[in-house]
Protein backbone atom coordinates (compact mmCIF):
# COMPACT_ATOMS: atom_id res chain seq x y z
CA UNK A 1 22.73 50.66 38.68
CA UNK A 2 20.46 51.78 35.86
CA UNK A 3 19.89 49.93 32.60
CA UNK A 4 22.23 52.13 30.57
CA UNK A 5 25.05 51.41 33.03
CA UNK A 6 24.34 47.67 32.91
CA UNK A 7 24.46 47.68 29.12
CA UNK A 8 27.74 49.61 29.10
CA UNK A 9 29.35 47.41 31.77
CA UNK A 10 28.31 44.03 30.35
CA UNK A 11 31.18 42.16 28.75
CA UNK A 12 31.96 38.48 28.37
CA UNK A 13 33.93 37.26 31.39
CA UNK A 14 36.25 34.30 30.81
CA UNK A 15 38.51 34.62 33.85
CA UNK A 16 36.99 34.22 37.29
CA UNK A 17 38.15 35.63 40.62
CA UNK A 18 38.52 32.11 41.99
CA UNK A 19 37.88 28.78 40.27
CA UNK A 20 34.36 27.56 41.02
CA UNK A 21 33.77 30.19 43.69
CA UNK A 22 30.13 29.62 44.70
CA UNK A 23 27.47 32.12 43.70
CA UNK A 24 24.77 32.87 46.23
CA UNK A 25 21.40 31.30 45.46
CA UNK A 26 19.68 34.65 45.96
CA UNK A 27 21.75 36.21 43.18
CA UNK A 28 21.12 33.30 40.84
CA UNK A 29 17.39 33.60 41.49
CA UNK A 30 17.50 37.31 40.64
CA UNK A 31 19.18 36.43 37.33
CA UNK A 32 16.59 33.76 36.59
CA UNK A 33 13.77 36.12 37.44
CA UNK A 34 15.13 38.57 34.88
CA UNK A 35 14.89 35.78 32.30
CA UNK A 36 11.33 35.05 33.37
CA UNK A 37 10.39 38.66 32.71
CA UNK A 38 11.89 38.81 29.22
CA UNK A 39 9.65 39.61 26.25
CA UNK A 40 8.01 36.55 24.74
CA UNK A 41 5.96 36.36 21.57
CA UNK A 42 2.35 35.77 22.56
CA UNK A 43 3.48 35.16 26.16
CA UNK A 44 4.46 31.60 25.18
CA UNK A 45 7.68 31.66 27.28
CA UNK A 46 9.23 28.55 25.66
CA UNK A 47 12.31 28.60 27.89
CA UNK A 48 13.58 26.28 30.60
CA UNK A 49 16.69 26.71 32.75
CA UNK A 50 18.82 24.19 34.63
CA UNK A 51 21.18 25.56 37.28
CA UNK A 52 24.39 23.56 37.71
CA UNK A 53 26.53 24.28 40.79
CA UNK A 54 28.30 20.96 41.40
CA UNK A 55 31.99 21.24 40.49
CA UNK A 56 32.17 17.86 38.78
CA UNK A 57 29.14 18.59 36.65
CA UNK A 58 30.48 22.02 35.77
CA UNK A 59 33.76 20.38 34.74
CA UNK A 60 31.85 17.98 32.49
CA UNK A 61 29.99 20.86 30.87
CA UNK A 62 33.36 22.49 30.30
CA UNK A 63 34.60 19.30 28.65
CA UNK A 64 31.53 19.28 26.41
CA UNK A 65 32.31 22.88 25.48
CA UNK A 66 35.84 22.35 24.22
CA UNK A 67 37.43 22.75 27.67
CA UNK A 68 36.62 26.44 27.81
CA UNK A 69 37.85 27.90 31.10
CA UNK A 70 34.90 30.28 31.11
CA UNK A 71 32.70 27.24 31.69
CA UNK A 72 35.01 24.92 33.65
CA UNK A 73 36.02 27.48 36.29
CA UNK A 74 32.69 29.28 36.68
CA UNK A 75 30.74 29.45 39.91
CA UNK A 76 27.58 28.12 38.27
CA UNK A 77 26.29 27.31 34.83
CA UNK A 78 22.78 28.06 33.68
CA UNK A 79 21.87 25.59 30.95
CA UNK A 80 19.43 27.41 28.69
CA UNK A 81 16.87 25.22 26.95
CA UNK A 82 13.94 25.69 24.61
CA UNK A 83 10.69 23.82 24.17
CA UNK A 84 9.33 23.86 20.64
CA UNK A 85 6.15 22.20 21.84
CA UNK A 86 5.18 25.37 23.69
CA UNK A 87 4.29 26.70 20.24
CA UNK A 88 1.75 23.92 19.69
CA UNK A 89 -1.72 25.16 18.79
CA UNK A 90 -3.09 24.28 22.23
CA UNK A 91 -0.32 25.88 24.30
CA UNK A 92 0.10 28.98 22.16
CA UNK A 93 -3.64 29.57 22.24
CA UNK A 94 -3.66 29.24 26.03
CA UNK A 95 -0.79 31.72 26.32
CA UNK A 96 -2.51 34.25 24.10
CA UNK A 97 -5.80 33.79 25.95
CA UNK A 98 -4.01 34.55 29.24
CA UNK A 99 -2.83 37.86 27.79
CA UNK A 100 -6.31 38.64 26.50
CA UNK A 101 -7.77 38.06 29.94
CA UNK A 102 -5.22 40.24 31.74
CA UNK A 103 -4.55 43.06 29.29
CA UNK A 104 -8.01 43.40 27.78
CA UNK A 105 -7.23 42.84 24.12
CA UNK A 106 -10.20 43.74 21.96
CA UNK A 107 -10.02 40.29 20.39
CA UNK A 108 -12.96 37.93 20.47
CA UNK A 109 -12.43 34.22 21.07
CA UNK A 110 -13.64 33.67 17.52
CA UNK A 111 -10.93 36.02 16.22
CA UNK A 112 -8.29 34.24 18.30
CA UNK A 113 -9.34 30.80 17.08
CA UNK A 114 -10.15 31.50 13.45
CA UNK A 115 -7.86 34.39 12.54
CA UNK A 116 -4.78 34.39 14.78
CA UNK A 117 -4.40 30.64 15.35
CA UNK A 118 -5.07 29.85 11.69
CA UNK A 119 -2.57 32.34 10.30
CA UNK A 120 0.93 31.09 9.34
CA UNK A 121 2.18 34.57 10.21
CA UNK A 122 1.12 34.29 13.84
CA UNK A 123 0.99 30.54 14.47
CA UNK A 124 4.36 28.75 14.02
CA UNK A 125 2.77 25.30 14.41
CA UNK A 126 1.32 25.73 10.93
CA UNK A 127 4.87 25.85 9.53
CA UNK A 128 6.12 22.74 11.30
CA UNK A 129 8.62 21.68 13.96
CA UNK A 130 11.65 23.39 12.42
CA UNK A 131 10.00 26.81 12.61
CA UNK A 132 8.66 26.08 16.09
CA UNK A 133 12.20 25.26 17.26
CA UNK A 134 13.54 28.39 15.59
CA UNK A 135 10.98 30.57 17.34
CA UNK A 136 11.62 28.88 20.69
CA UNK A 137 15.36 29.44 20.27
CA UNK A 138 14.75 33.08 19.44
CA UNK A 139 12.84 33.55 22.70
CA UNK A 140 15.52 31.75 24.73
CA UNK A 141 18.13 34.16 23.40
CA UNK A 142 16.08 37.16 24.50
CA UNK A 143 15.88 35.67 28.00
CA UNK A 144 19.64 35.08 28.04
CA UNK A 145 20.25 38.73 27.17
CA UNK A 146 18.18 39.77 30.18
CA UNK A 147 20.20 37.42 32.40
CA UNK A 148 23.52 38.89 31.27
CA UNK A 149 22.37 42.36 32.33
CA UNK A 150 21.03 41.21 35.69
CA UNK A 151 24.30 39.36 36.33
CA UNK A 152 26.07 42.73 36.07
CA UNK A 153 23.49 44.25 38.41
CA UNK A 154 24.30 41.52 40.95
CA UNK A 155 28.03 42.25 40.81
CA UNK A 156 28.68 39.14 38.73
CA UNK A 157 29.98 38.33 35.28
CA UNK A 158 28.72 35.98 32.61
CA UNK A 159 29.82 34.50 29.32
CA UNK A 160 27.24 33.50 26.73
CA UNK A 161 28.51 30.18 25.38
CA UNK A 162 27.03 28.88 22.16
CA UNK A 163 30.04 26.73 21.26
CA UNK A 164 28.99 23.61 23.10
CA UNK A 165 27.79 20.11 22.33
CA UNK A 166 24.11 20.81 22.86
CA UNK A 167 23.03 17.23 22.27
CA UNK A 168 25.78 15.91 24.51
CA UNK A 169 24.87 18.35 27.29
CA UNK A 170 21.24 17.32 27.06
CA UNK A 171 22.13 13.63 27.23
CA UNK A 172 24.51 14.16 30.15
CA UNK A 173 21.89 16.04 32.16
CA UNK A 174 19.05 13.77 31.11
CA UNK A 175 16.78 16.61 30.08
CA UNK A 176 13.21 15.81 29.00
CA UNK A 177 12.99 14.72 25.37
CA UNK A 178 10.71 17.67 24.61
CA UNK A 179 13.49 20.12 25.51
CA UNK A 180 16.58 21.11 23.54
CA UNK A 181 19.74 22.75 24.84
CA UNK A 182 20.39 26.08 23.14
CA UNK A 183 23.28 27.71 25.03
CA UNK A 184 25.17 27.75 28.31
CA UNK A 185 25.51 30.79 30.56
CA UNK A 186 28.36 30.38 33.04
CA UNK A 187 28.28 33.00 35.79
CA UNK A 188 30.57 33.96 38.65
CA UNK A 189 32.67 36.65 40.24
CA UNK A 190 34.85 38.34 37.59
CA UNK A 191 38.61 37.91 37.75
CA UNK A 192 39.18 40.34 34.91
CA UNK A 193 37.88 43.69 33.73
CA UNK A 194 38.21 43.53 29.95
CA UNK A 195 37.70 46.59 27.83
CA UNK A 196 34.51 46.60 25.79
CA UNK A 197 34.90 45.06 22.36
CA UNK A 198 34.89 47.47 19.41
CA UNK A 199 31.44 47.91 17.92
CA UNK A 200 30.37 49.11 14.49
CA UNK A 201 29.30 52.74 14.32
CA UNK A 202 25.57 53.46 14.20
CA UNK A 203 25.90 54.84 10.68
CA UNK A 204 27.26 51.48 9.57
CA UNK A 205 24.30 49.46 10.87
CA UNK A 206 21.30 51.81 10.73
CA UNK A 207 19.28 53.06 7.78
CA UNK A 208 16.71 55.82 8.21
CA UNK A 209 13.66 56.08 6.02
CA UNK A 210 13.81 58.75 3.35
CA UNK A 211 11.01 60.81 1.87
């Protein structure tokens, strides 16, 4: 299946072939690897993922998500978390330096330290925790998008769930205090084949530059 086909086929699945039908570990790992390869600003990669396969724990996540069947009956739930601290000066610099070393940026260390890392445009830590969390969340969402496409490629469905008690989920799972829960991604074998949702026409969402 090529990328265009994956994009066309991806829809939110809320009905599963069988309640809590297990998903093979190999397929879950393929989905997670797609997330790992997602674009990340400065190669910071401020995402963390917790895979939940236990039925009782999945049921609790469903309860914390307003008893949504898409969560409760899924084969597995990927809890998608962000780490604002990955945008600290030290960690962001290390991430950028790793890219410099591999891709041969024509930056000098002096430019990295005194231009890039001291610019509010490029260094979120200079704007504070709220902006760092916002940027981390942005990156997590990119990774989730990649996972939804790979789920299709693996013959699975997914449902991006943002309507959940993020704090409650984090407390229930005992996640590290440096992490925050952003979304849930229940996955499984589809029990429905819904038609794609209507989308706005390109002319309604795109503006082209004019002379």
